[in-house]
Amino acid sequence: MNIDYDEQEDILFIRFNDEPVERDISYGWNVNVGMTAKGIGQMTILDAKADGLLPLRLPQAVLQQAIVG
């Protein structure tokens, strides 16, 4: 998984895997989900900070798993 944030454009990009995206699904005007053959491959969120989605607030267990790998 890879998370990138463009502060100047306020765009959050989350890539879950490297599978090729087969189709995109839009949820509202600012959330786009890239679907692979196996499920969700990536998400792009426009105005992420303006909409209150940043900073990310994750449970401690999730953060610990990300650190441990």
C-alpha atoms as a PDB file:
ATOM      1  CA  MET A   1       0.000   0.000   0.000  1.00  0.00           C
ATOM      2  CA  ASN A   2       1.191   3.498  -0.805  1.00  0.00           C
ATOM      3  CA  ILE A   3      -0.351   6.805   0.346  1.00  0.00           C
ATOM      4  CA  ASP A   4       0.563  10.087  -1.346  1.00  0.00           C
ATOM      5  CA  TYR A   5      -0.796  13.542  -0.638  1.00  0.00           C
ATOM      6  CA  ASP A   6      -0.380  16.593  -2.855  1.00  0.00           C
ATOM      7  CA  GLU A   7      -0.693  19.484  -0.394  1.00  0.00           C
ATOM      8  CA  GLN A   8      -0.845  22.166  -3.071  1.00  0.00           C
ATOM      9  CA  GLU A   9      -3.745  20.500  -4.924  1.00  0.00           C
ATOM     10  CA  ASP A  10      -5.272  18.881  -1.769  1.00  0.00           C
ATOM     11  CA  ILE A  11      -5.417  15.452  -3.413  1.00  0.00           C
ATOM     12  CA  LEU A  12      -5.046  12.201  -1.479  1.00  0.00           C
ATOM     13  CA  PHE A  13      -4.021   9.141  -3.508  1.00  0.00           C
ATOM     14  CA  ILE A  14      -4.063   5.666  -1.976  1.00  0.00           C
ATOM     15  CA  ARG A  15      -2.745   2.682  -3.923  1.00  0.00           C
ATOM     16  CA  PHE A  16      -3.601  -0.685  -2.406  1.00  0.00           C
ATOM     17  CA  ASN A  17      -1.780  -2.866  -4.921  1.00  0.00           C
ATOM     18  CA  ASP A  18      -0.064  -2.781  -8.309  1.00  0.00           C
ATOM     19  CA  GLU A  19      -2.803  -4.591 -10.217  1.00  0.00           C
ATOM     20  CA  PRO A  20      -3.953  -2.798 -13.387  1.00  0.00           C
ATOM     21  CA  VAL A  21      -7.128  -0.742 -13.007  1.00  0.00           C
ATOM     22  CA  GLU A  22      -9.932  -2.112 -15.176  1.00  0.00           C
ATOM     23  CA  ARG A  23     -12.604   0.474 -14.415  1.00  0.00           C
ATOM     24  CA  ASP A  24     -13.216   3.555 -12.311  1.00  0.00           C
ATOM     25  CA  ILE A  25     -16.184   4.246 -10.080  1.00  0.00           C
ATOM     26  CA  SER A  26     -16.979   7.777  -8.909  1.00  0.00           C
ATOM     27  CA  TYR A  27     -18.573   8.410  -5.529  1.00  0.00           C
ATOM     28  CA  GLY A  28     -19.657  12.013  -5.652  1.00  0.00           C
ATOM     29  CA  TRP A  29     -17.574  14.573  -7.473  1.00  0.00           C
ATOM     30  CA  ASN A  30     -14.415  14.136  -5.386  1.00  0.00           C
ATOM     31  CA  VAL A  31     -13.889  10.398  -4.755  1.00  0.00           C
ATOM     32  CA  ASN A  32     -12.738   8.048  -7.492  1.00  0.00           C
ATOM     33  CA  VAL A  33     -12.138   4.329  -6.902  1.00  0.00           C
ATOM     34  CA  GLY A  34     -10.021   2.319  -9.335  1.00  0.00           C
ATOM     35  CA  MET A  35     -11.194  -1.285  -9.540  1.00  0.00           C
ATOM     36  CA  THR A  36      -8.925  -4.185 -10.503  1.00  0.00           C
ATOM     37  CA  ALA A  37      -9.908  -7.753 -11.327  1.00  0.00           C
ATOM     38  CA  LYS A  38      -9.455  -8.584  -7.620  1.00  0.00           C
ATOM     39  CA  GLY A  39     -11.234  -5.578  -6.075  1.00  0.00           C
ATOM     40  CA  ILE A  40     -10.234  -2.053  -5.072  1.00  0.00           C
ATOM     41  CA  GLY A  41      -6.807  -1.127  -6.414  1.00  0.00           C
ATOM     42  CA  GLN A  42      -6.632   2.587  -5.699  1.00  0.00           C
ATOM     43  CA  MET A  43      -8.557   5.640  -4.502  1.00  0.00           C
ATOM     44  CA  THR A  44      -8.198   9.295  -5.418  1.00  0.00           C
ATOM     45  CA  ILE A  45      -9.819  11.888  -3.167  1.00  0.00           C
ATOM     46  CA  LEU A  46     -10.016  15.537  -4.206  1.00  0.00           C
ATOM     47  CA  ASP A  47     -10.255  18.255  -1.512  1.00  0.00           C
ATOM     48  CA  ALA A  48      -9.196  15.664   1.064  1.00  0.00           C
ATOM     49  CA  LYS A  49      -8.096  18.106   3.765  1.00  0.00           C
ATOM     50  CA  ALA A  50     -10.863  20.608   3.015  1.00  0.00           C
ATOM     51  CA  ASP A  51     -13.434  17.819   3.513  1.00  0.00           C
ATOM     52  CA  GLY A  52     -11.883  16.787   6.847  1.00  0.00           C
ATOM     53  CA  LEU A  53     -10.330  13.535   5.639  1.00  0.00           C
ATOM     54  CA  LEU A  54      -6.831  14.633   6.632  1.00  0.00           C
ATOM     55  CA  PRO A  55      -5.001  14.173   8.829  1.00  0.00           C
ATOM     56  CA  LEU A  56      -5.743  10.445   8.743  1.00  0.00           C
ATOM     57  CA  ARG A  57      -7.067   9.190  12.033  1.00  0.00           C
ATOM     58  CA  LEU A  58      -6.377   5.476  12.291  1.00  0.00           C
ATOM     59  CA  PRO A  59      -6.834   3.191  15.289  1.00  0.00           C
ATOM     60  CA  GLN A  60      -3.593   2.407  17.154  1.00  0.00           C
ATOM     61  CA  ALA A  61      -3.810  -1.275  16.117  1.00  0.00           C
ATOM     62  CA  VAL A  62      -3.794  -0.310  12.437  1.00  0.00           C
ATOM     63  CA  LEU A  63      -0.860   2.042  12.907  1.00  0.00           C
ATOM     64  CA  GLN A  64       1.109  -0.630  14.780  1.00  0.00           C
ATOM     65  CA  GLN A  65       0.469  -3.177  12.001  1.00  0.00           C
ATOM     66  CA  ALA A  66       1.698  -0.673   9.403  1.00  0.00           C
ATOM     67  CA  ILE A  67       4.922  -0.163  11.372  1.00  0.00           C
ATOM     68  CA  VAL A  68       5.515  -3.892  11.900  1.00  0.00           C
ATOM     69  CA  GLY A  69       4.673  -4.657   8.301  1.00  0.00           C
END
